[in-house]
Amino acid sequence: MMPSKVISPEFLVWSQLLLVWSFAAYGVAADPLNGETGRVHGRRWKLILSFRVLLATVLAYLFSRSIVLSIVLLLMTLFQPLLRYRLPMRWLAEFEGLWISAYMASSLALVRHLRLDSQRMLTSISPSQLAALCILASTLFLVVRGGTYIVRGVLRKSGALPSRQGSNMARGSSHVRREAETSDSGTSIAASVEHPARSIVDVEEYNRGRLIGNLERIVLTIVIAGGSYAALAFLVAAKGVVRSGEFQNDRDFAEYFLIGSLSSVLVALSAGLALRFALIRLWPDLLSLQMQ
């Protein structure tokens, strides 16, 4: 067994605050998105958001004993879902990635500037191991719901959402036939054809893809953190083989599947590499346990 790594008290505080923020921002409940729901001011969501903000503020103060850091966490937890809802969906992926990066960088700089020391620490494990566990849990929170926001932003930007056109096309065809039967000229037919049926997002397929993507990112993040890159290729290929039968009949679904899968894999790859780097520095024995 390798000796425990020595880390600064500031880094331990930062890892604990990262866990607090990631849990409050992503682990409690999903937030409404612009264009996907019309009820952002619902009473239930307001109560949940208030609870999240209060939880993040209290835990931040317990870990750091710093009013400044508590206020920063309060503002970051409060304004993120509000700004996300106001933002056009095509910018959702960029917003989510920049917000996560900005919080990590700004909170680390602030903790170091204030020279804070951890006020809560388990005695059964070393500080480096505690920091590693906090970063591991934070990464999983980020890749699940944070990854969902990023992937949905990419799908909205590319216009590759799963559509359900069958019923609309059938209704459009019957409408054309009725116009043809009741019209003495071809004018009504031309007028009806000028307005093709709009595609409707297949909500069932959309939600199914979200659930599959969440599980996929968790598995891939752990696999990449453990250094099993061959398993990464196998899992991605297996996912494509399972649904390969739908590619030939539906080009739109094929584009949705490829863009969503590649975006999800990219999120998991980035998170897994960052997690692997952190675990190697903080708790290398944990990686050895994963590989056995």
C-alpha atoms as a PDB file:
ATOM      1  CA  MET A   1       0.000   0.000   0.000  1.00  0.00           C
ATOM      2  CA  MET A   2       1.325   3.402  -0.990  1.00  0.00           C
ATOM      3  CA  PRO A   3       1.692   6.098   1.688  1.00  0.00           C
ATOM      4  CA  SER A   4      -1.052   8.723   1.939  1.00  0.00           C
ATOM      5  CA  LYS A   5      -0.592  11.809  -0.170  1.00  0.00           C
ATOM      6  CA  VAL A   6      -0.183  15.105   1.625  1.00  0.00           C
ATOM      7  CA  ILE A   7      -2.580  17.819   0.465  1.00  0.00           C
ATOM      8  CA  SER A   8      -3.143  21.356   1.621  1.00  0.00           C
ATOM      9  CA  PRO A   9      -6.076  22.195   3.911  1.00  0.00           C
ATOM     10  CA  GLU A  10      -7.346  24.604   1.250  1.00  0.00           C
ATOM     11  CA  PHE A  11      -7.614  21.830  -1.329  1.00  0.00           C
ATOM     12  CA  LEU A  12      -9.593  19.669   1.086  1.00  0.00           C
ATOM     13  CA  VAL A  13     -12.014  22.516   1.730  1.00  0.00           C
ATOM     14  CA  TRP A  14     -12.368  23.064  -2.009  1.00  0.00           C
ATOM     15  CA  SER A  15     -13.157  19.393  -2.659  1.00  0.00           C
ATOM     16  CA  GLN A  16     -15.811  19.431   0.059  1.00  0.00           C
ATOM     17  CA  LEU A  17     -17.368  22.603  -1.353  1.00  0.00           C
ATOM     18  CA  LEU A  18     -17.304  21.063  -4.821  1.00  0.00           C
ATOM     19  CA  LEU A  19     -19.338  18.149  -3.516  1.00  0.00           C
ATOM     20  CA  VAL A  20     -21.781  20.482  -1.787  1.00  0.00           C
ATOM     21  CA  TRP A  21     -22.317  22.574  -4.897  1.00  0.00           C
ATOM     22  CA  SER A  22     -22.589  19.628  -7.317  1.00  0.00           C
ATOM     23  CA  PHE A  23     -25.135  17.923  -5.086  1.00  0.00           C
ATOM     24  CA  ALA A  24     -27.203  21.095  -4.670  1.00  0.00           C
ATOM     25  CA  ALA A  25     -27.005  21.988  -8.371  1.00  0.00           C
ATOM     26  CA  TYR A  26     -27.437  18.538  -9.923  1.00  0.00           C
ATOM     27  CA  GLY A  27     -28.223  15.930  -7.304  1.00  0.00           C
ATOM     28  CA  VAL A  28     -31.508  17.129  -5.824  1.00  0.00           C
ATOM     29  CA  ALA A  29     -33.876  17.738  -8.728  1.00  0.00           C
ATOM     30  CA  ALA A  30     -33.923  18.579 -12.431  1.00  0.00           C
ATOM     31  CA  ASP A  31     -34.485  22.185 -13.468  1.00  0.00           C
ATOM     32  CA  PRO A  32     -36.911  23.358 -16.161  1.00  0.00           C
ATOM     33  CA  LEU A  33     -35.406  24.158 -19.548  1.00  0.00           C
ATOM     34  CA  ASN A  34     -36.412  26.862 -21.977  1.00  0.00           C
ATOM     35  CA  GLY A  35     -38.602  25.378 -24.699  1.00  0.00           C
ATOM     36  CA  GLU A  36     -39.241  22.098 -22.896  1.00  0.00           C
ATOM     37  CA  THR A  37     -41.586  23.278 -20.163  1.00  0.00           C
ATOM     38  CA  GLY A  38     -43.797  26.276 -19.531  1.00  0.00           C
ATOM     39  CA  ARG A  39     -43.879  26.140 -15.732  1.00  0.00           C
ATOM     40  CA  VAL A  40     -40.763  27.673 -14.333  1.00  0.00           C
ATOM     41  CA  HIS A  41     -42.529  29.615 -11.594  1.00  0.00           C
ATOM     42  CA  GLY A  42     -44.362  26.654 -10.131  1.00  0.00           C
ATOM     43  CA  ARG A  43     -44.644  26.591  -6.375  1.00  0.00           C
ATOM     44  CA  ARG A  44     -43.108  23.148  -6.059  1.00  0.00           C
ATOM     45  CA  TRP A  45     -40.034  24.127  -8.067  1.00  0.00           C
ATOM     46  CA  LYS A  46     -39.610  27.317  -6.031  1.00  0.00           C
ATOM     47  CA  LEU A  47     -39.649  25.306  -2.812  1.00  0.00           C
ATOM     48  CA  ILE A  48     -37.109  22.824  -4.165  1.00  0.00           C
ATOM     49  CA  LEU A  49     -34.833  25.615  -5.365  1.00  0.00           C
ATOM     50  CA  SER A  50     -35.086  27.383  -2.008  1.00  0.00           C
ATOM     51  CA  PHE A  51     -34.193  24.155  -0.236  1.00  0.00           C
ATOM     52  CA  ARG A  52     -31.184  23.618  -2.492  1.00  0.00           C
ATOM     53  CA  VAL A  53     -29.898  27.138  -1.961  1.00  0.00           C
ATOM     54  CA  LEU A  54     -30.357  26.914   1.799  1.00  0.00           C
ATOM     55  CA  LEU A  55     -28.689  23.499   1.934  1.00  0.00           C
ATOM     56  CA  ALA A  56     -25.680  24.670  -0.073  1.00  0.00           C
ATOM     57  CA  THR A  57     -25.280  27.811   2.055  1.00  0.00           C
ATOM     58  CA  VAL A  58     -25.486  26.003   5.391  1.00  0.00           C
ATOM     59  CA  LEU A  59     -23.142  23.182   4.390  1.00  0.00           C
ATOM     60  CA  ALA A  60     -20.653  25.623   2.890  1.00  0.00           C
ATOM     61  CA  TYR A  61     -20.511  27.521   6.167  1.00  0.00           C
ATOM     62  CA  LEU A  62     -20.163  24.321   8.212  1.00  0.00           C
ATOM     63  CA  PHE A  63     -17.228  23.150   6.098  1.00  0.00           C
ATOM     64  CA  SER A  64     -15.416  26.476   5.743  1.00  0.00           C
ATOM     65  CA  ARG A  65     -16.684  28.797   8.501  1.00  0.00           C
ATOM     66  CA  SER A  66     -16.561  31.520   5.876  1.00  0.00           C
ATOM     67  CA  ILE A  67     -19.469  33.864   5.239  1.00  0.00           C
ATOM     68  CA  VAL A  68     -17.921  34.961   1.936  1.00  0.00           C
ATOM     69  CA  LEU A  69     -17.771  31.432   0.568  1.00  0.00           C
ATOM     70  CA  SER A  70     -21.288  30.729   1.790  1.00  0.00           C
ATOM     71  CA  ILE A  71     -22.577  33.765  -0.107  1.00  0.00           C
ATOM     72  CA  VAL A  72     -20.701  32.707  -3.249  1.00  0.00           C
ATOM     73  CA  LEU A  73     -22.209  29.233  -3.088  1.00  0.00           C
ATOM     74  CA  LEU A  74     -25.646  30.737  -2.490  1.00  0.00           C
ATOM     75  CA  LEU A  75     -25.369  32.927  -5.597  1.00  0.00           C
ATOM     76  CA  MET A  76     -23.951  30.143  -7.777  1.00  0.00           C
ATOM     77  CA  THR A  77     -26.680  27.707  -6.754  1.00  0.00           C
ATOM     78  CA  LEU A  78     -29.462  30.284  -7.162  1.00  0.00           C
ATOM     79  CA  PHE A  79     -28.582  31.937 -10.462  1.00  0.00           C
ATOM     80  CA  GLN A  80     -27.517  28.865 -12.411  1.00  0.00           C
ATOM     81  CA  PRO A  81     -31.036  27.398 -12.926  1.00  0.00           C
ATOM     82  CA  LEU A  82     -32.571  30.853 -13.406  1.00  0.00           C
ATOM     83  CA  LEU A  83     -30.092  31.822 -16.123  1.00  0.00           C
ATOM     84  CA  ARG A  84     -30.308  28.362 -17.690  1.00  0.00           C
ATOM     85  CA  TYR A  85     -34.049  28.728 -18.142  1.00  0.00           C
ATOM     86  CA  ARG A  86     -33.737  32.182 -19.720  1.00  0.00           C
ATOM     87  CA  LEU A  87     -31.019  31.044 -22.100  1.00  0.00           C
ATOM     88  CA  PRO A  88     -31.892  29.805 -25.611  1.00  0.00           C
ATOM     89  CA  MET A  89     -31.479  26.051 -25.820  1.00  0.00           C
ATOM     90  CA  ARG A  90     -28.864  26.297 -28.561  1.00  0.00           C
ATOM     91  CA  TRP A  91     -26.451  27.821 -26.024  1.00  0.00           C
ATOM     92  CA  LEU A  92     -27.204  25.383 -23.212  1.00  0.00           C
ATOM     93  CA  ALA A  93     -24.124  23.179 -23.706  1.00  0.00           C
ATOM     94  CA  GLU A  94     -21.738  26.142 -23.726  1.00  0.00           C
ATOM     95  CA  PHE A  95     -23.416  27.706 -20.710  1.00  0.00           C
ATOM     96  CA  GLU A  96     -23.245  24.508 -18.676  1.00  0.00           C
ATOM     97  CA  GLY A  97     -19.601  23.842 -19.455  1.00  0.00           C
ATOM     98  CA  LEU A  98     -18.529  27.425 -18.755  1.00  0.00           C
ATOM     99  CA  TRP A  99     -20.523  27.581 -15.509  1.00  0.00           C
ATOM    100  CA  ILE A 100     -18.956  24.382 -14.170  1.00  0.00           C
ATOM    101  CA  SER A 101     -15.467  25.545 -15.132  1.00  0.00           C
ATOM    102  CA  ALA A 102     -16.051  29.017 -13.697  1.00  0.00           C
ATOM    103  CA  TYR A 103     -17.242  27.640 -10.366  1.00  0.00           C
ATOM    104  CA  MET A 104     -14.299  25.275 -10.020  1.00  0.00           C
ATOM    105  CA  ALA A 105     -11.725  27.942 -10.839  1.00  0.00           C
ATOM    106  CA  SER A 106     -13.287  30.772  -8.837  1.00  0.00           C
ATOM    107  CA  SER A 107     -13.985  28.688  -5.730  1.00  0.00           C
ATOM    108  CA  LEU A 108     -10.453  27.252  -5.696  1.00  0.00           C
ATOM    109  CA  ALA A 109      -8.938  30.721  -6.068  1.00  0.00           C
ATOM    110  CA  LEU A 110     -11.164  32.095  -3.314  1.00  0.00           C
ATOM    111  CA  VAL A 111     -10.392  29.251  -0.906  1.00  0.00           C
ATOM    112  CA  ARG A 112      -6.668  29.716  -1.442  1.00  0.00           C
ATOM    113  CA  HIS A 113      -6.944  33.479  -1.059  1.00  0.00           C
ATOM    114  CA  LEU A 114      -8.808  33.145   2.235  1.00  0.00           C
ATOM    115  CA  ARG A 115      -6.470  30.342   3.422  1.00  0.00           C
ATOM    116  CA  LEU A 116      -9.327  28.304   4.812  1.00  0.00           C
ATOM    117  CA  ASP A 117      -8.995  25.121   6.827  1.00  0.00           C
ATOM    118  CA  SER A 118     -11.479  22.263   6.862  1.00  0.00           C
ATOM    119  CA  GLN A 119     -13.811  22.233   9.858  1.00  0.00           C
ATOM    120  CA  ARG A 120     -15.233  18.764   9.247  1.00  0.00           C
ATOM    121  CA  MET A 121     -13.082  15.709   8.493  1.00  0.00           C
ATOM    122  CA  LEU A 122     -13.468  11.988   8.996  1.00  0.00           C
ATOM    123  CA  THR A 123     -10.725  10.546  11.198  1.00  0.00           C
ATOM    124  CA  SER A 124     -10.887   7.042   9.722  1.00  0.00           C
ATOM    125  CA  ILE A 125      -9.382   8.115   6.371  1.00  0.00           C
ATOM    126  CA  SER A 126      -6.654  10.529   5.400  1.00  0.00           C
ATOM    127  CA  PRO A 127      -7.361  14.043   4.066  1.00  0.00           C
ATOM    128  CA  SER A 128      -6.242  13.034   0.570  1.00  0.00           C
ATOM    129  CA  GLN A 129      -8.617  10.056   0.552  1.00  0.00           C
ATOM    130  CA  LEU A 130     -11.477  12.236   1.759  1.00  0.00           C
ATOM    131  CA  ALA A 131     -10.745  14.731  -1.006  1.00  0.00           C
ATOM    132  CA  ALA A 132     -10.658  11.877  -3.542  1.00  0.00           C
ATOM    133  CA  LEU A 133     -14.079  10.616  -2.417  1.00  0.00           C
ATOM    134  CA  CYS A 134     -15.531  14.134  -2.611  1.00  0.00           C
ATOM    135  CA  ILE A 135     -14.193  14.600  -6.146  1.00  0.00           C
ATOM    136  CA  LEU A 136     -15.452  11.138  -7.174  1.00  0.00           C
ATOM    137  CA  ALA A 137     -18.983  11.851  -5.933  1.00  0.00           C
ATOM    138  CA  SER A 138     -18.949  15.338  -7.474  1.00  0.00           C
ATOM    139  CA  THR A 139     -17.888  13.937 -10.841  1.00  0.00           C
ATOM    140  CA  LEU A 140     -20.760  11.463 -10.875  1.00  0.00           C
ATOM    141  CA  PHE A 141     -23.283  14.216 -10.079  1.00  0.00           C
ATOM    142  CA  LEU A 142     -21.844  16.367 -12.855  1.00  0.00           C
ATOM    143  CA  VAL A 143     -21.785  13.701 -15.566  1.00  0.00           C
ATOM    144  CA  VAL A 144     -25.348  12.527 -14.871  1.00  0.00           C
ATOM    145  CA  ARG A 145     -27.507  15.644 -14.809  1.00  0.00           C
ATOM    146  CA  GLY A 146     -24.905  18.146 -15.950  1.00  0.00           C
ATOM    147  CA  GLY A 147     -24.106  15.826 -18.855  1.00  0.00           C
ATOM    148  CA  THR A 148     -27.798  15.662 -19.703  1.00  0.00           C
ATOM    149  CA  TYR A 149     -27.969  19.446 -20.046  1.00  0.00           C
ATOM    150  CA  ILE A 150     -24.879  19.478 -22.266  1.00  0.00           C
ATOM    151  CA  VAL A 151     -26.149  16.693 -24.536  1.00  0.00           C
ATOM    152  CA  ARG A 152     -29.585  18.284 -24.852  1.00  0.00           C
ATOM    153  CA  GLY A 153     -27.985  21.592 -25.727  1.00  0.00           C
ATOM    154  CA  VAL A 154     -25.967  19.927 -28.494  1.00  0.00           C
ATOM    155  CA  LEU A 155     -29.067  18.158 -29.837  1.00  0.00           C
ATOM    156  CA  ARG A 156     -31.038  21.403 -29.866  1.00  0.00           C
ATOM    157  CA  LYS A 157     -28.214  23.248 -31.599  1.00  0.00           C
ATOM    158  CA  SER A 158     -27.918  20.595 -34.297  1.00  0.00           C
ATOM    159  CA  GLY A 159     -31.682  20.145 -34.688  1.00  0.00           C
ATOM    160  CA  ALA A 160     -31.300  16.390 -34.325  1.00  0.00           C
ATOM    161  CA  LEU A 161     -34.169  15.742 -31.913  1.00  0.00           C
ATOM    162  CA  PRO A 162     -36.128  12.485 -32.350  1.00  0.00           C
ATOM    163  CA  SER A 163     -39.345  13.243 -34.229  1.00  0.00           C
ATOM    164  CA  ARG A 164     -42.666  11.512 -34.556  1.00  0.00           C
ATOM    165  CA  GLN A 165     -44.144  12.279 -37.946  1.00  0.00           C
ATOM    166  CA  GLY A 166     -46.214   9.218 -38.688  1.00  0.00           C
ATOM    167  CA  SER A 167     -49.525  10.395 -37.231  1.00  0.00           C
ATOM    168  CA  ASN A 168     -49.113  13.903 -38.560  1.00  0.00           C
ATOM    169  CA  MET A 169     -48.334  12.659 -42.054  1.00  0.00           C
ATOM    170  CA  ALA A 170     -51.381  10.412 -41.963  1.00  0.00           C
ATOM    171  CA  ARG A 171     -53.585  13.303 -40.901  1.00  0.00           C
ATOM    172  CA  GLY A 172     -52.043  15.463 -43.610  1.00  0.00           C
ATOM    173  CA  SER A 173     -52.726  12.827 -46.255  1.00  0.00           C
ATOM    174  CA  SER A 174     -56.362  12.421 -45.218  1.00  0.00           C
ATOM    175  CA  HIS A 175     -56.724  16.202 -45.240  1.00  0.00           C
ATOM    176  CA  VAL A 176     -55.393  16.313 -48.807  1.00  0.00           C
ATOM    177  CA  ARG A 177     -57.819  13.590 -49.872  1.00  0.00           C
ATOM    178  CA  ARG A 178     -60.778  15.438 -48.373  1.00  0.00           C
ATOM    179  CA  GLU A 179     -59.727  18.614 -50.120  1.00  0.00           C
ATOM    180  CA  ALA A 180     -59.433  16.730 -53.390  1.00  0.00           C
ATOM    181  CA  GLU A 181     -62.909  15.238 -53.030  1.00  0.00           C
ATOM    182  CA  THR A 182     -64.661  18.505 -52.218  1.00  0.00           C
ATOM    183  CA  SER A 183     -62.745  20.821 -54.535  1.00  0.00           C
ATOM    184  CA  ASP A 184     -63.595  21.494 -58.187  1.00  0.00           C
ATOM    185  CA  SER A 185     -60.016  22.534 -58.989  1.00  0.00           C
ATOM    186  CA  GLY A 186     -56.511  21.787 -57.836  1.00  0.00           C
ATOM    187  CA  THR A 187     -56.267  24.997 -55.792  1.00  0.00           C
ATOM    188  CA  SER A 188     -57.210  23.436 -52.460  1.00  0.00           C
ATOM    189  CA  ILE A 189     -54.793  20.579 -52.991  1.00  0.00           C
ATOM    190  CA  ALA A 190     -51.942  22.959 -53.711  1.00  0.00           C
ATOM    191  CA  ALA A 191     -52.794  25.047 -50.665  1.00  0.00           C
ATOM    192  CA  SER A 192     -52.772  22.036 -48.402  1.00  0.00           C
ATOM    193  CA  VAL A 193     -49.495  20.750 -49.770  1.00  0.00           C
ATOM    194  CA  GLU A 194     -47.784  24.114 -49.280  1.00  0.00           C
ATOM    195  CA  HIS A 195     -47.897  23.602 -45.476  1.00  0.00           C
ATOM    196  CA  PRO A 196     -46.301  20.231 -44.696  1.00  0.00           C
ATOM    197  CA  ALA A 197     -46.937  18.691 -41.328  1.00  0.00           C
ATOM    198  CA  ARG A 198     -44.500  19.782 -38.656  1.00  0.00           C
ATOM    199  CA  SER A 199     -42.450  17.153 -36.929  1.00  0.00           C
ATOM    200  CA  ILE A 200     -43.230  16.619 -33.262  1.00  0.00           C
ATOM    201  CA  VAL A 201     -40.520  15.689 -30.800  1.00  0.00           C
ATOM    202  CA  ASP A 202     -40.869  12.074 -29.720  1.00  0.00           C
ATOM    203  CA  VAL A 203     -40.951  12.655 -25.965  1.00  0.00           C
ATOM    204  CA  GLU A 204     -40.898   8.947 -25.157  1.00  0.00           C
ATOM    205  CA  GLU A 205     -37.751   8.341 -27.207  1.00  0.00           C
ATOM    206  CA  TYR A 206     -36.243  11.594 -25.880  1.00  0.00           C
ATOM    207  CA  ASN A 207     -36.690  10.528 -22.247  1.00  0.00           C
ATOM    208  CA  ARG A 208     -35.529   6.988 -22.983  1.00  0.00           C
ATOM    209  CA  GLY A 209     -32.375   8.391 -24.534  1.00  0.00           C
ATOM    210  CA  ARG A 210     -31.835  10.586 -21.479  1.00  0.00           C
ATOM    211  CA  LEU A 211     -32.008   7.595 -19.129  1.00  0.00           C
ATOM    212  CA  ILE A 212     -29.707   5.502 -21.323  1.00  0.00           C
ATOM    213  CA  GLY A 213     -27.302   8.422 -21.558  1.00  0.00           C
ATOM    214  CA  ASN A 214     -27.184   8.843 -17.778  1.00  0.00           C
ATOM    215  CA  LEU A 215     -26.300   5.184 -17.251  1.00  0.00           C
ATOM    216  CA  GLU A 216     -23.857   5.271 -20.136  1.00  0.00           C
ATOM    217  CA  ARG A 217     -21.946   8.264 -18.759  1.00  0.00           C
ATOM    218  CA  ILE A 218     -21.693   6.742 -15.284  1.00  0.00           C
ATOM    219  CA  VAL A 219     -20.271   3.484 -16.637  1.00  0.00           C
ATOM    220  CA  LEU A 220     -17.934   5.173 -19.102  1.00  0.00           C
ATOM    221  CA  THR A 221     -16.629   7.630 -16.511  1.00  0.00           C
ATOM    222  CA  ILE A 222     -15.749   4.797 -14.117  1.00  0.00           C
ATOM    223  CA  VAL A 223     -14.240   2.734 -16.936  1.00  0.00           C
ATOM    224  CA  ILE A 224     -12.083   5.622 -18.160  1.00  0.00           C
ATOM    225  CA  ALA A 225     -11.017   6.546 -14.626  1.00  0.00           C
ATOM    226  CA  GLY A 226      -9.875   2.933 -14.190  1.00  0.00           C
ATOM    227  CA  GLY A 227      -7.883   3.063 -17.421  1.00  0.00           C
ATOM    228  CA  SER A 228      -9.924   0.374 -19.220  1.00  0.00           C
ATOM    229  CA  TYR A 229      -9.988   2.025 -22.646  1.00  0.00           C
ATOM    230  CA  ALA A 230     -10.716  -1.252 -24.424  1.00  0.00           C
ATOM    231  CA  ALA A 231     -13.934  -1.538 -22.438  1.00  0.00           C
ATOM    232  CA  LEU A 232     -14.810   1.989 -23.563  1.00  0.00           C
ATOM    233  CA  ALA A 233     -14.645   0.967 -27.226  1.00  0.00           C
ATOM    234  CA  PHE A 234     -16.630  -2.205 -26.531  1.00  0.00           C
ATOM    235  CA  LEU A 235     -19.456  -0.360 -24.743  1.00  0.00           C
ATOM    236  CA  VAL A 236     -19.800   2.272 -27.459  1.00  0.00           C
ATOM    237  CA  ALA A 237     -19.798  -0.377 -30.204  1.00  0.00           C
ATOM    238  CA  ALA A 238     -22.326  -2.539 -28.337  1.00  0.00           C
ATOM    239  CA  LYS A 239     -24.720   0.392 -28.025  1.00  0.00           C
ATOM    240  CA  GLY A 240     -24.568   0.965 -31.759  1.00  0.00           C
ATOM    241  CA  VAL A 241     -25.132  -2.716 -32.595  1.00  0.00           C
ATOM    242  CA  VAL A 242     -28.231  -2.917 -30.389  1.00  0.00           C
ATOM    243  CA  ARG A 243     -29.999  -0.123 -32.252  1.00  0.00           C
ATOM    244  CA  SER A 244     -28.440  -0.587 -35.684  1.00  0.00           C
ATOM    245  CA  GLY A 245     -31.711  -1.897 -37.122  1.00  0.00           C
ATOM    246  CA  GLU A 246     -33.332   1.526 -36.757  1.00  0.00           C
ATOM    247  CA  PHE A 247     -30.607   3.361 -38.692  1.00  0.00           C
ATOM    248  CA  GLN A 248     -31.591   2.126 -42.148  1.00  0.00           C
ATOM    249  CA  ASN A 249     -35.262   3.030 -41.831  1.00  0.00           C
ATOM    250  CA  ASP A 250     -34.926   6.414 -40.145  1.00  0.00           C
ATOM    251  CA  ARG A 251     -32.109   8.774 -41.081  1.00  0.00           C
ATOM    252  CA  ASP A 252     -33.261  11.385 -38.555  1.00  0.00           C
ATOM    253  CA  PHE A 253     -33.033   8.841 -35.748  1.00  0.00           C
ATOM    254  CA  ALA A 254     -29.561   7.832 -36.907  1.00  0.00           C
ATOM    255  CA  GLU A 255     -28.396  11.454 -36.690  1.00  0.00           C
ATOM    256  CA  TYR A 256     -30.015  11.865 -33.277  1.00  0.00           C
ATOM    257  CA  PHE A 257     -28.374   8.677 -32.029  1.00  0.00           C
ATOM    258  CA  LEU A 258     -24.906   9.524 -33.341  1.00  0.00           C
ATOM    259  CA  ILE A 259     -24.864  13.144 -32.161  1.00  0.00           C
ATOM    260  CA  GLY A 260     -26.304  12.271 -28.750  1.00  0.00           C
ATOM    261  CA  SER A 261     -23.984   9.300 -28.255  1.00  0.00           C
ATOM    262  CA  LEU A 262     -20.848  11.163 -29.303  1.00  0.00           C
ATOM    263  CA  SER A 263     -21.736  14.121 -27.076  1.00  0.00           C
ATOM    264  CA  SER A 264     -22.397  11.807 -24.147  1.00  0.00           C
ATOM    265  CA  VAL A 265     -19.127   9.921 -24.704  1.00  0.00           C
ATOM    266  CA  LEU A 266     -17.211  13.208 -24.914  1.00  0.00           C
ATOM    267  CA  VAL A 267     -18.634  14.325 -21.565  1.00  0.00           C
ATOM    268  CA  ALA A 268     -17.783  10.974 -19.960  1.00  0.00           C
ATOM    269  CA  LEU A 269     -14.309  10.967 -21.519  1.00  0.00           C
ATOM    270  CA  SER A 270     -13.502  14.448 -20.187  1.00  0.00           C
ATOM    271  CA  ALA A 271     -14.857  13.663 -16.729  1.00  0.00           C
ATOM    272  CA  GLY A 272     -13.182  10.250 -16.600  1.00  0.00           C
ATOM    273  CA  LEU A 273      -9.748  11.594 -17.529  1.00  0.00           C
ATOM    274  CA  ALA A 274     -10.026  14.407 -14.975  1.00  0.00           C
ATOM    275  CA  LEU A 275     -11.167  11.920 -12.322  1.00  0.00           C
ATOM    276  CA  ARG A 276      -8.328   9.536 -13.148  1.00  0.00           C
ATOM    277  CA  PHE A 277      -5.781  12.342 -12.817  1.00  0.00           C
ATOM    278  CA  ALA A 278      -7.244  13.334  -9.436  1.00  0.00           C
ATOM    279  CA  LEU A 279      -7.303   9.769  -8.099  1.00  0.00           C
ATOM    280  CA  ILE A 280      -3.740   9.099  -9.199  1.00  0.00           C
ATOM    281  CA  ARG A 281      -2.648  12.162  -7.250  1.00  0.00           C
ATOM    282  CA  LEU A 282      -4.840  11.609  -4.198  1.00  0.00           C
ATOM    283  CA  TRP A 283      -5.628   7.901  -3.794  1.00  0.00           C
ATOM    284  CA  PRO A 284      -3.773   5.614  -6.239  1.00  0.00           C
ATOM    285  CA  ASP A 285      -4.696   2.499  -4.251  1.00  0.00           C
ATOM    286  CA  LEU A 286      -8.342   3.062  -5.198  1.00  0.00           C
ATOM    287  CA  LEU A 287      -7.438   2.741  -8.881  1.00  0.00           C
ATOM    288  CA  SER A 288      -5.545  -0.457  -8.129  1.00  0.00           C
ATOM    289  CA  LEU A 289      -8.678  -1.816  -6.486  1.00  0.00           C
ATOM    290  CA  GLN A 290     -10.751  -0.961  -9.562  1.00  0.00           C
ATOM    291  CA  MET A 291      -8.412  -2.831 -11.865  1.00  0.00           C
ATOM    292  CA  GLN A 292      -8.381  -6.026  -9.778  1.00  0.00           C
END
